[in-house]
Amino acid sequence: MNAIRCLPLALALALLVGGSASAQDKGALNPKPLPPLANPDDPKTPAKELFGRRDKPAALPANSIGGYAKGCVAGATAIPVDGDTWQVMRLSRNRNWGHPQLIELLKKLSARVPQVNGWPGLLVGDISQPRGGPMITGHASHQIGLDADVWLTPMPTRHLTRTEREEMSATDMVREDLLDIDPKVWTPQHTALIRTAAKEPEVARIFVNPAIKKALCREAGDDRSWLTKVRPMFGHNYHFHIRIACPQGDGECADQEPPPSGDGCGAELAQWFTPKMLHPKPGKPRPPMTMAQLPAECRRVLASP
């Protein structure tokens, strides 16, 4: 049986929606536009092919529509590629778009970083496509503009070149045997940063590799309330994933259930280190999502100027 099916339902769902593009995957210095689709109105056309060809946001009021792994976003805002305390990576992906509330949170969090842990700032990875929706490569979630990846590599004091932004790798924080963090690269500054992000009221969840969660459990100290939001998820060795709750007033946005109570550092975490979880058998790929599987309002978002 596939390892995902052996988990409680909440964890199984988390695995399915928390998929992640690798922060170390290189981008393209001279990205080529995707070729036109022969029949974009065919109901069988994967939604990712349609949303992946929209390079500008929908000219509609900001609105997150649907769920984190089945939806879209209207009126998205791009975080500028450079800020005083952040730099955006993998510019060729054009995934620095999000709901305005998420973009403001990233700016606010990055401004606090020098005082929180002494880093000059943050390297920001994938957020969402201009109109959200499924992506041609990478993530299962990041569809409604409320998810963002932040590298676990400090922003340097200098301005990164375009080549560096496309080709430099983030740092793998996990030991080769996957059972714990690599002490050569993991630092108290990482704990301080994730703690600060988790304490932001808008943040609903933070996804990290289970080995990183284990380290945070050890290093949390007496204040452990924030650990509830930090959820173990494979694929997050190089970055942590911030997810905010549905913005107030976005009536078509579907929040997740709140995380289980407690710090999540006991039996719940231990099961991530079983052989079945660490070395699962490959599952059968799911067929790509079509527009019929997304909320009806996503058709308007896709067609909007």
C-alpha atoms as a PDB file:
ATOM      1  CA  MET A   1       0.000   0.000   0.000  1.00  0.00           C
ATOM      2  CA  ASN A   2       1.222   3.498  -0.807  1.00  0.00           C
ATOM      3  CA  ALA A   3       2.699   5.202   2.251  1.00  0.00           C
ATOM      4  CA  ILE A   4       0.292   8.118   1.973  1.00  0.00           C
ATOM      5  CA  ARG A   5      -2.680   5.787   2.431  1.00  0.00           C
ATOM      6  CA  CYS A   6      -1.191   4.432   5.634  1.00  0.00           C
ATOM      7  CA  LEU A   7      -1.451   7.839   7.313  1.00  0.00           C
ATOM      8  CA  PRO A   8      -4.383   9.431   9.078  1.00  0.00           C
ATOM      9  CA  LEU A   9      -6.543  11.351   6.611  1.00  0.00           C
ATOM     10  CA  ALA A  10      -5.340  14.797   7.681  1.00  0.00           C
ATOM     11  CA  LEU A  11      -1.712  13.879   7.048  1.00  0.00           C
ATOM     12  CA  ALA A  12      -2.531  12.170   3.775  1.00  0.00           C
ATOM     13  CA  LEU A  13      -4.281  15.293   2.531  1.00  0.00           C
ATOM     14  CA  ALA A  14      -1.370  17.426   3.644  1.00  0.00           C
ATOM     15  CA  LEU A  15       0.997  15.315   1.564  1.00  0.00           C
ATOM     16  CA  LEU A  16      -1.197  15.608  -1.475  1.00  0.00           C
ATOM     17  CA  VAL A  17      -1.573  19.396  -1.348  1.00  0.00           C
ATOM     18  CA  GLY A  18       1.864  20.285  -0.076  1.00  0.00           C
ATOM     19  CA  GLY A  19       3.925  19.271  -3.092  1.00  0.00           C
ATOM     20  CA  SER A  20       6.776  21.595  -3.846  1.00  0.00           C
ATOM     21  CA  ALA A  21       9.129  22.617  -6.614  1.00  0.00           C
ATOM     22  CA  SER A  22      12.741  22.223  -5.648  1.00  0.00           C
ATOM     23  CA  ALA A  23      14.508  25.424  -4.673  1.00  0.00           C
ATOM     24  CA  GLN A  24      17.705  24.051  -6.185  1.00  0.00           C
ATOM     25  CA  ASP A  25      16.175  23.430  -9.639  1.00  0.00           C
ATOM     26  CA  LYS A  26      17.758  25.876 -12.051  1.00  0.00           C
ATOM     27  CA  GLY A  27      15.776  28.435 -13.998  1.00  0.00           C
ATOM     28  CA  ALA A  28      16.336  29.721 -17.536  1.00  0.00           C
ATOM     29  CA  LEU A  29      18.387  32.756 -18.447  1.00  0.00           C
ATOM     30  CA  ASN A  30      16.501  33.170 -21.725  1.00  0.00           C
ATOM     31  CA  PRO A  31      13.063  31.642 -21.155  1.00  0.00           C
ATOM     32  CA  LYS A  32      11.015  30.997 -24.266  1.00  0.00           C
ATOM     33  CA  PRO A  33       7.247  31.558 -24.276  1.00  0.00           C
ATOM     34  CA  LEU A  34       5.112  28.470 -24.327  1.00  0.00           C
ATOM     35  CA  PRO A  35       3.759  27.641 -27.783  1.00  0.00           C
ATOM     36  CA  PRO A  36       0.073  28.371 -28.462  1.00  0.00           C
ATOM     37  CA  LEU A  37      -2.337  25.564 -27.696  1.00  0.00           C
ATOM     38  CA  ALA A  38      -3.938  23.910 -30.699  1.00  0.00           C
ATOM     39  CA  ASN A  39      -7.359  23.738 -29.049  1.00  0.00           C
ATOM     40  CA  PRO A  40      -7.459  25.669 -25.753  1.00  0.00           C
ATOM     41  CA  ASP A  41     -11.261  25.327 -25.493  1.00  0.00           C
ATOM     42  CA  ASP A  42     -11.127  21.537 -25.441  1.00  0.00           C
ATOM     43  CA  PRO A  43     -12.592  20.487 -22.046  1.00  0.00           C
ATOM     44  CA  LYS A  44      -9.780  17.947 -21.720  1.00  0.00           C
ATOM     45  CA  THR A  45      -7.074  20.623 -21.889  1.00  0.00           C
ATOM     46  CA  PRO A  46      -5.155  20.561 -18.590  1.00  0.00           C
ATOM     47  CA  ALA A  47      -5.823  23.703 -16.567  1.00  0.00           C
ATOM     48  CA  LYS A  48      -2.085  24.050 -15.941  1.00  0.00           C
ATOM     49  CA  GLU A  49      -1.526  24.628 -19.665  1.00  0.00           C
ATOM     50  CA  LEU A  50      -4.047  27.469 -19.641  1.00  0.00           C
ATOM     51  CA  PHE A  51      -2.910  29.201 -16.442  1.00  0.00           C
ATOM     52  CA  GLY A  52       0.745  28.696 -17.340  1.00  0.00           C
ATOM     53  CA  ARG A  53       0.227  30.842 -20.444  1.00  0.00           C
ATOM     54  CA  ARG A  54      -1.162  33.856 -18.577  1.00  0.00           C
ATOM     55  CA  ASP A  55       1.767  36.148 -17.818  1.00  0.00           C
ATOM     56  CA  LYS A  56      -0.213  39.031 -16.300  1.00  0.00           C
ATOM     57  CA  PRO A  57      -2.751  39.101 -13.440  1.00  0.00           C
ATOM     58  CA  ALA A  58      -6.496  39.265 -13.980  1.00  0.00           C
ATOM     59  CA  ALA A  59      -7.724  42.872 -13.922  1.00  0.00           C
ATOM     60  CA  LEU A  60     -10.217  42.125 -11.148  1.00  0.00           C
ATOM     61  CA  PRO A  61     -10.434  42.938  -7.430  1.00  0.00           C
ATOM     62  CA  ALA A  62      -8.099  40.861  -5.282  1.00  0.00           C
ATOM     63  CA  ASN A  63      -9.760  37.548  -4.463  1.00  0.00           C
ATOM     64  CA  SER A  64      -8.481  34.081  -3.593  1.00  0.00           C
ATOM     65  CA  ILE A  65     -10.853  31.518  -5.079  1.00  0.00           C
ATOM     66  CA  GLY A  66     -11.128  27.868  -4.097  1.00  0.00           C
ATOM     67  CA  GLY A  67      -8.646  25.805  -2.100  1.00  0.00           C
ATOM     68  CA  TYR A  68      -4.881  25.967  -1.872  1.00  0.00           C
ATOM     69  CA  ALA A  69      -4.537  23.036  -4.297  1.00  0.00           C
ATOM     70  CA  LYS A  70      -7.630  23.662  -6.438  1.00  0.00           C
ATOM     71  CA  GLY A  71      -8.281  27.280  -7.277  1.00  0.00           C
ATOM     72  CA  CYS A  72      -7.011  30.551  -8.706  1.00  0.00           C
ATOM     73  CA  VAL A  73      -6.423  34.171  -7.724  1.00  0.00           C
ATOM     74  CA  ALA A  74      -7.805  37.415  -9.135  1.00  0.00           C
ATOM     75  CA  GLY A  75      -6.123  40.797  -8.781  1.00  0.00           C
ATOM     76  CA  ALA A  76      -2.760  39.336  -7.784  1.00  0.00           C
ATOM     77  CA  THR A  77       0.165  41.611  -6.952  1.00  0.00           C
ATOM     78  CA  ALA A  78       3.811  40.938  -7.762  1.00  0.00           C
ATOM     79  CA  ILE A  79       6.402  41.358  -5.064  1.00  0.00           C
ATOM     80  CA  PRO A  80       9.151  43.529  -6.601  1.00  0.00           C
ATOM     81  CA  VAL A  81      12.185  41.460  -7.537  1.00  0.00           C
ATOM     82  CA  ASP A  82      14.351  43.625  -5.261  1.00  0.00           C
ATOM     83  CA  GLY A  83      13.670  45.184  -1.882  1.00  0.00           C
ATOM     84  CA  ASP A  84      15.814  46.511   0.925  1.00  0.00           C
ATOM     85  CA  THR A  85      15.489  43.189   2.742  1.00  0.00           C
ATOM     86  CA  TRP A  86      14.527  40.682   0.047  1.00  0.00           C
ATOM     87  CA  GLN A  87      15.505  39.427  -3.398  1.00  0.00           C
ATOM     88  CA  VAL A  88      13.331  37.219  -5.607  1.00  0.00           C
ATOM     89  CA  MET A  89      14.854  34.044  -7.043  1.00  0.00           C
ATOM     90  CA  ARG A  90      14.143  32.094 -10.261  1.00  0.00           C
ATOM     91  CA  LEU A  91      12.727  35.110 -12.078  1.00  0.00           C
ATOM     92  CA  SER A  92      12.170  33.069 -15.234  1.00  0.00           C
ATOM     93  CA  ARG A  93       9.352  31.178 -13.523  1.00  0.00           C
ATOM     94  CA  ASN A  94       7.221  34.357 -13.172  1.00  0.00           C
ATOM     95  CA  ARG A  95       5.855  33.039  -9.894  1.00  0.00           C
ATOM     96  CA  ASN A  96       6.335  36.109  -7.689  1.00  0.00           C
ATOM     97  CA  TRP A  97       2.605  36.907  -7.707  1.00  0.00           C
ATOM     98  CA  GLY A  98       0.217  36.604  -4.790  1.00  0.00           C
ATOM     99  CA  HIS A  99      -2.769  38.010  -2.978  1.00  0.00           C
ATOM    100  CA  PRO A 100      -1.864  41.538  -1.795  1.00  0.00           C
ATOM    101  CA  GLN A 101      -2.127  40.429   1.850  1.00  0.00           C
ATOM    102  CA  LEU A 102       0.517  37.740   1.327  1.00  0.00           C
ATOM    103  CA  ILE A 103       2.827  40.161  -0.481  1.00  0.00           C
ATOM    104  CA  GLU A 104       2.538  42.655   2.395  1.00  0.00           C
ATOM    105  CA  LEU A 105       3.291  39.904   4.917  1.00  0.00           C
ATOM    106  CA  LEU A 106       6.465  38.920   3.055  1.00  0.00           C
ATOM    107  CA  LYS A 107       7.634  42.535   2.995  1.00  0.00           C
ATOM    108  CA  LYS A 108       6.870  42.963   6.689  1.00  0.00           C
ATOM    109  CA  LEU A 109       8.567  39.706   7.654  1.00  0.00           C
ATOM    110  CA  SER A 110      11.676  40.452   5.623  1.00  0.00           C
ATOM    111  CA  ALA A 111      12.012  43.878   7.229  1.00  0.00           C
ATOM    112  CA  ARG A 112      12.172  42.206  10.639  1.00  0.00           C
ATOM    113  CA  VAL A 113      14.800  39.661   9.658  1.00  0.00           C
ATOM    114  CA  PRO A 114      17.938  41.723  10.426  1.00  0.00           C
ATOM    115  CA  GLN A 115      16.727  42.208  14.004  1.00  0.00           C
ATOM    116  CA  VAL A 116      15.366  38.668  14.350  1.00  0.00           C
ATOM    117  CA  ASN A 117      18.440  36.683  13.329  1.00  0.00           C
ATOM    118  CA  GLY A 118      21.028  39.038  11.856  1.00  0.00           C
ATOM    119  CA  TRP A 119      20.516  38.057   8.214  1.00  0.00           C
ATOM    120  CA  PRO A 120      20.485  40.946   5.707  1.00  0.00           C
ATOM    121  CA  GLY A 121      17.142  39.704   4.395  1.00  0.00           C
ATOM    122  CA  LEU A 122      15.260  36.897   2.664  1.00  0.00           C
ATOM    123  CA  LEU A 123      15.548  35.082  -0.642  1.00  0.00           C
ATOM    124  CA  VAL A 124      11.991  34.620  -1.891  1.00  0.00           C
ATOM    125  CA  GLY A 125      11.159  31.597  -4.024  1.00  0.00           C
ATOM    126  CA  ASP A 126       7.886  30.609  -5.686  1.00  0.00           C
ATOM    127  CA  ILE A 127       4.644  32.296  -4.666  1.00  0.00           C
ATOM    128  CA  SER A 128       2.004  31.867  -7.411  1.00  0.00           C
ATOM    129  CA  GLN A 129       1.485  32.423 -11.111  1.00  0.00           C
ATOM    130  CA  PRO A 130      -0.107  35.739 -12.169  1.00  0.00           C
ATOM    131  CA  ARG A 131      -3.574  34.175 -12.019  1.00  0.00           C
ATOM    132  CA  GLY A 132      -2.712  31.297  -9.728  1.00  0.00           C
ATOM    133  CA  GLY A 133      -4.122  27.962 -10.774  1.00  0.00           C
ATOM    134  CA  PRO A 134      -2.269  24.688 -11.359  1.00  0.00           C
ATOM    135  CA  MET A 135       1.368  24.947 -12.489  1.00  0.00           C
ATOM    136  CA  ILE A 136       2.977  23.142 -15.411  1.00  0.00           C
ATOM    137  CA  THR A 137       5.869  22.102 -13.163  1.00  0.00           C
ATOM    138  CA  GLY A 138       6.286  21.775  -9.434  1.00  0.00           C
ATOM    139  CA  HIS A 139       3.732  22.572  -6.812  1.00  0.00           C
ATOM    140  CA  ALA A 140       0.351  21.002  -6.206  1.00  0.00           C
ATOM    141  CA  SER A 141      -0.604  23.955  -3.998  1.00  0.00           C
ATOM    142  CA  HIS A 142       0.362  27.655  -4.493  1.00  0.00           C
ATOM    143  CA  GLN A 143      -2.836  28.041  -6.566  1.00  0.00           C
ATOM    144  CA  ILE A 144      -4.701  30.863  -4.797  1.00  0.00           C
ATOM    145  CA  GLY A 145      -1.932  33.342  -4.037  1.00  0.00           C
ATOM    146  CA  LEU A 146      -1.663  32.505  -0.338  1.00  0.00           C
ATOM    147  CA  ASP A 147       1.459  30.269  -0.354  1.00  0.00           C
ATOM    148  CA  ALA A 148       5.086  31.381  -0.550  1.00  0.00           C
ATOM    149  CA  ASP A 149       8.445  29.636  -0.390  1.00  0.00           C
ATOM    150  CA  VAL A 150      11.311  31.313   1.493  1.00  0.00           C
ATOM    151  CA  TRP A 151      14.807  29.954   1.056  1.00  0.00           C
ATOM    152  CA  LEU A 152      16.716  28.744   4.082  1.00  0.00           C
ATOM    153  CA  THR A 153      19.763  30.523   2.668  1.00  0.00           C
ATOM    154  CA  PRO A 154      20.404  34.084   3.900  1.00  0.00           C
ATOM    155  CA  MET A 155      20.128  36.919   1.414  1.00  0.00           C
ATOM    156  CA  PRO A 156      23.648  38.182   0.716  1.00  0.00           C
ATOM    157  CA  THR A 157      24.588  41.802   1.315  1.00  0.00           C
ATOM    158  CA  ARG A 158      25.130  42.328  -2.411  1.00  0.00           C
ATOM    159  CA  HIS A 159      22.733  42.370  -5.336  1.00  0.00           C
ATOM    160  CA  LEU A 160      22.546  38.939  -6.954  1.00  0.00           C
ATOM    161  CA  THR A 161      23.020  38.762 -10.707  1.00  0.00           C
ATOM    162  CA  ARG A 162      20.367  37.337 -13.002  1.00  0.00           C
ATOM    163  CA  THR A 163      22.551  34.272 -13.567  1.00  0.00           C
ATOM    164  CA  GLU A 164      22.882  33.710  -9.831  1.00  0.00           C
ATOM    165  CA  ARG A 165      19.134  34.036  -9.335  1.00  0.00           C
ATOM    166  CA  GLU A 166      18.509  31.346 -11.929  1.00  0.00           C
ATOM    167  CA  GLU A 167      21.356  28.978 -11.178  1.00  0.00           C
ATOM    168  CA  MET A 168      22.594  29.208  -7.584  1.00  0.00           C
ATOM    169  CA  SER A 169      21.299  26.481  -5.291  1.00  0.00           C
ATOM    170  CA  ALA A 170      19.644  26.869  -1.966  1.00  0.00           C
ATOM    171  CA  THR A 171      21.218  24.974   0.933  1.00  0.00           C
ATOM    172  CA  ASP A 172      20.002  21.488   1.845  1.00  0.00           C
ATOM    173  CA  MET A 173      19.415  21.536   5.588  1.00  0.00           C
ATOM    174  CA  VAL A 174      18.776  17.803   5.985  1.00  0.00           C
ATOM    175  CA  ARG A 175      21.298  15.085   6.783  1.00  0.00           C
ATOM    176  CA  GLU A 176      21.946  12.490   4.102  1.00  0.00           C
ATOM    177  CA  ASP A 177      20.103   9.768   6.033  1.00  0.00           C
ATOM    178  CA  LEU A 178      17.040  12.085   6.277  1.00  0.00           C
ATOM    179  CA  LEU A 179      16.751  11.508  10.036  1.00  0.00           C
ATOM    180  CA  ASP A 180      17.873  14.917  11.248  1.00  0.00           C
ATOM    181  CA  ILE A 181      19.220  18.293  10.168  1.00  0.00           C
ATOM    182  CA  ASP A 182      22.791  18.695   8.972  1.00  0.00           C
ATOM    183  CA  PRO A 183      24.585  20.412  11.888  1.00  0.00           C
ATOM    184  CA  LYS A 184      27.155  21.870   9.481  1.00  0.00           C
ATOM    185  CA  VAL A 185      24.550  24.184   7.939  1.00  0.00           C
ATOM    186  CA  TRP A 186      21.626  24.426  10.389  1.00  0.00           C
ATOM    187  CA  THR A 187      21.908  27.344  12.821  1.00  0.00           C
ATOM    188  CA  PRO A 188      19.929  29.007  15.625  1.00  0.00           C
ATOM    189  CA  GLN A 189      19.191  31.758  13.093  1.00  0.00           C
ATOM    190  CA  HIS A 190      17.009  29.334  11.153  1.00  0.00           C
ATOM    191  CA  THR A 191      14.990  28.537  14.261  1.00  0.00           C
ATOM    192  CA  ALA A 192      14.577  32.233  15.054  1.00  0.00           C
ATOM    193  CA  LEU A 193      13.329  32.980  11.543  1.00  0.00           C
ATOM    194  CA  ILE A 194      10.768  30.171  11.401  1.00  0.00           C
ATOM    195  CA  ARG A 195       9.549  30.978  14.913  1.00  0.00           C
ATOM    196  CA  THR A 196       9.006  34.605  13.923  1.00  0.00           C
ATOM    197  CA  ALA A 197       7.134  33.658  10.761  1.00  0.00           C
ATOM    198  CA  ALA A 198       4.914  31.173  12.613  1.00  0.00           C
ATOM    199  CA  LYS A 199       3.935  33.812  15.160  1.00  0.00           C
ATOM    200  CA  GLU A 200       2.522  36.141  12.504  1.00  0.00           C
ATOM    201  CA  PRO A 201      -1.272  36.160  13.050  1.00  0.00           C
ATOM    202  CA  GLU A 202      -2.060  35.769   9.345  1.00  0.00           C
ATOM    203  CA  VAL A 203       0.031  32.618   9.021  1.00  0.00           C
ATOM    204  CA  ALA A 204      -2.035  29.434   9.101  1.00  0.00           C
ATOM    205  CA  ARG A 205       0.722  26.881   8.472  1.00  0.00           C
ATOM    206  CA  ILE A 206       4.418  26.583   7.792  1.00  0.00           C
ATOM    207  CA  PHE A 207       5.695  23.473   6.020  1.00  0.00           C
ATOM    208  CA  VAL A 208       9.224  22.176   6.679  1.00  0.00           C
ATOM    209  CA  ASN A 209      11.006  18.880   6.172  1.00  0.00           C
ATOM    210  CA  PRO A 210      10.299  16.485   9.099  1.00  0.00           C
ATOM    211  CA  ALA A 211      13.986  16.637  10.091  1.00  0.00           C
ATOM    212  CA  ILE A 212      13.697  20.413  10.399  1.00  0.00           C
ATOM    213  CA  LYS A 213      10.566  20.039  12.503  1.00  0.00           C
ATOM    214  CA  LYS A 214      12.548  17.688  14.749  1.00  0.00           C
ATOM    215  CA  ALA A 215      15.251  20.330  15.185  1.00  0.00           C
ATOM    216  CA  LEU A 216      12.669  23.011  15.943  1.00  0.00           C
ATOM    217  CA  CYS A 217      11.096  20.772  18.581  1.00  0.00           C
ATOM    218  CA  ARG A 218      14.494  20.451  20.290  1.00  0.00           C
ATOM    219  CA  GLU A 219      15.309  24.141  20.076  1.00  0.00           C
ATOM    220  CA  ALA A 220      11.932  25.750  20.783  1.00  0.00           C
ATOM    221  CA  GLY A 221      12.472  26.319  24.495  1.00  0.00           C
ATOM    222  CA  ASP A 222       9.573  26.985  26.863  1.00  0.00           C
ATOM    223  CA  ASP A 223       7.400  28.868  24.352  1.00  0.00           C
ATOM    224  CA  ARG A 224       6.090  26.075  22.151  1.00  0.00           C
ATOM    225  CA  SER A 225       2.756  27.501  21.044  1.00  0.00           C
ATOM    226  CA  TRP A 226       4.050  28.422  17.576  1.00  0.00           C
ATOM    227  CA  LEU A 227       5.116  24.841  16.829  1.00  0.00           C
ATOM    228  CA  THR A 228       1.474  23.900  16.193  1.00  0.00           C
ATOM    229  CA  LYS A 229       1.588  25.789  12.900  1.00  0.00           C
ATOM    230  CA  VAL A 230       4.839  24.155  11.767  1.00  0.00           C
ATOM    231  CA  ARG A 231       3.870  21.037   9.842  1.00  0.00           C
ATOM    232  CA  PRO A 232       6.255  18.310   8.582  1.00  0.00           C
ATOM    233  CA  MET A 233       6.284  17.813   4.827  1.00  0.00           C
ATOM    234  CA  PHE A 234       8.820  16.150   2.553  1.00  0.00           C
ATOM    235  CA  GLY A 235      10.311  18.300  -0.192  1.00  0.00           C
ATOM    236  CA  HIS A 236      11.075  21.229   2.106  1.00  0.00           C
ATOM    237  CA  ASN A 237      14.785  20.648   2.741  1.00  0.00           C
ATOM    238  CA  TYR A 238      15.897  23.875   1.101  1.00  0.00           C
ATOM    239  CA  HIS A 239      13.133  26.294   1.982  1.00  0.00           C
ATOM    240  CA  PHE A 240      10.170  26.732   4.262  1.00  0.00           C
ATOM    241  CA  HIS A 241       6.664  27.252   2.954  1.00  0.00           C
ATOM    242  CA  ILE A 242       4.450  29.969   4.410  1.00  0.00           C
ATOM    243  CA  ARG A 243       0.680  29.621   4.033  1.00  0.00           C
ATOM    244  CA  ILE A 244      -1.664  32.363   5.184  1.00  0.00           C
ATOM    245  CA  ALA A 245      -5.348  31.990   5.982  1.00  0.00           C
ATOM    246  CA  CYS A 246      -8.064  33.139   3.607  1.00  0.00           C
ATOM    247  CA  PRO A 247      -8.287  36.939   3.678  1.00  0.00           C
ATOM    248  CA  GLN A 248     -11.367  38.359   5.337  1.00  0.00           C
ATOM    249  CA  GLY A 249     -14.051  39.029   2.756  1.00  0.00           C
ATOM    250  CA  ASP A 250     -12.826  36.488   0.200  1.00  0.00           C
ATOM    251  CA  GLY A 251     -16.003  34.437   0.393  1.00  0.00           C
ATOM    252  CA  GLU A 252     -14.986  31.950  -2.287  1.00  0.00           C
ATOM    253  CA  CYS A 253     -11.726  31.040  -0.551  1.00  0.00           C
ATOM    254  CA  ALA A 254     -11.627  27.690   1.275  1.00  0.00           C
ATOM    255  CA  ASP A 255      -9.500  27.572   4.429  1.00  0.00           C
ATOM    256  CA  GLN A 256      -7.972  24.345   5.709  1.00  0.00           C
ATOM    257  CA  GLU A 257      -9.056  22.936   9.018  1.00  0.00           C
ATOM    258  CA  PRO A 258      -6.876  24.304  11.845  1.00  0.00           C
ATOM    259  CA  PRO A 259      -3.771  22.222  12.621  1.00  0.00           C
ATOM    260  CA  PRO A 260      -4.114  19.654  15.414  1.00  0.00           C
ATOM    261  CA  SER A 261      -3.565  21.034  18.890  1.00  0.00           C
ATOM    262  CA  GLY A 262      -0.237  20.528  20.636  1.00  0.00           C
ATOM    263  CA  ASP A 263       3.306  21.022  19.448  1.00  0.00           C
ATOM    264  CA  GLY A 264       3.313  18.036  17.072  1.00  0.00           C
ATOM    265  CA  CYS A 265       6.631  16.794  18.451  1.00  0.00           C
ATOM    266  CA  GLY A 266       5.612  13.325  19.655  1.00  0.00           C
ATOM    267  CA  ALA A 267       4.157  10.299  17.902  1.00  0.00           C
ATOM    268  CA  GLU A 268       2.770  12.458  15.098  1.00  0.00           C
ATOM    269  CA  LEU A 269       6.298  13.491  14.116  1.00  0.00           C
ATOM    270  CA  ALA A 270       7.877  10.080  14.742  1.00  0.00           C
ATOM    271  CA  GLN A 271       5.804   8.390  12.042  1.00  0.00           C
ATOM    272  CA  TRP A 272       7.516  10.539   9.394  1.00  0.00           C
ATOM    273  CA  PHE A 273      10.769   8.682  10.092  1.00  0.00           C
ATOM    274  CA  THR A 274       9.498   5.173   9.436  1.00  0.00           C
ATOM    275  CA  PRO A 275      10.976   3.315   6.415  1.00  0.00           C
ATOM    276  CA  LYS A 276       7.640   3.468   4.571  1.00  0.00           C
ATOM    277  CA  MET A 277       7.549   7.228   4.863  1.00  0.00           C
ATOM    278  CA  LEU A 278      11.227   7.882   4.186  1.00  0.00           C
ATOM    279  CA  HIS A 279      11.353   5.516   1.201  1.00  0.00           C
ATOM    280  CA  PRO A 280       7.827   5.245  -0.232  1.00  0.00           C
ATOM    281  CA  LYS A 281       6.991   3.223  -3.284  1.00  0.00           C
ATOM    282  CA  PRO A 282       6.221   5.432  -6.285  1.00  0.00           C
ATOM    283  CA  GLY A 283       2.534   6.158  -6.627  1.00  0.00           C
ATOM    284  CA  LYS A 284       0.525   6.362  -9.833  1.00  0.00           C
ATOM    285  CA  PRO A 285       0.530   9.917 -11.231  1.00  0.00           C
ATOM    286  CA  ARG A 286      -2.789  11.688 -11.054  1.00  0.00           C
ATOM    287  CA  PRO A 287      -4.340  12.900 -14.313  1.00  0.00           C
ATOM    288  CA  PRO A 288      -3.920  16.646 -14.788  1.00  0.00           C
ATOM    289  CA  MET A 289      -6.664  18.879 -13.443  1.00  0.00           C
ATOM    290  CA  THR A 290      -9.078  20.401 -15.970  1.00  0.00           C
ATOM    291  CA  MET A 291     -11.039  23.633 -15.748  1.00  0.00           C
ATOM    292  CA  ALA A 292     -14.157  21.641 -14.876  1.00  0.00           C
ATOM    293  CA  GLN A 293     -12.479  20.611 -11.612  1.00  0.00           C
ATOM    294  CA  LEU A 294     -11.745  24.199 -10.569  1.00  0.00           C
ATOM    295  CA  PRO A 295     -14.271  26.659  -9.120  1.00  0.00           C
ATOM    296  CA  ALA A 296     -16.491  28.158 -11.834  1.00  0.00           C
ATOM    297  CA  GLU A 297     -15.193  31.672 -11.069  1.00  0.00           C
ATOM    298  CA  CYS A 298     -11.729  30.595 -12.266  1.00  0.00           C
ATOM    299  CA  ARG A 299     -13.041  30.656 -15.838  1.00  0.00           C
ATOM    300  CA  ARG A 300     -13.719  34.373 -15.428  1.00  0.00           C
ATOM    301  CA  VAL A 301     -10.267  34.880 -13.925  1.00  0.00           C
ATOM    302  CA  LEU A 302      -8.646  33.048 -16.826  1.00  0.00           C
ATOM    303  CA  ALA A 303     -10.613  35.005 -19.469  1.00  0.00           C
ATOM    304  CA  SER A 304     -10.255  38.432 -17.857  1.00  0.00           C
ATOM    305  CA  PRO A 305      -8.051  41.059 -19.563  1.00  0.00           C
END
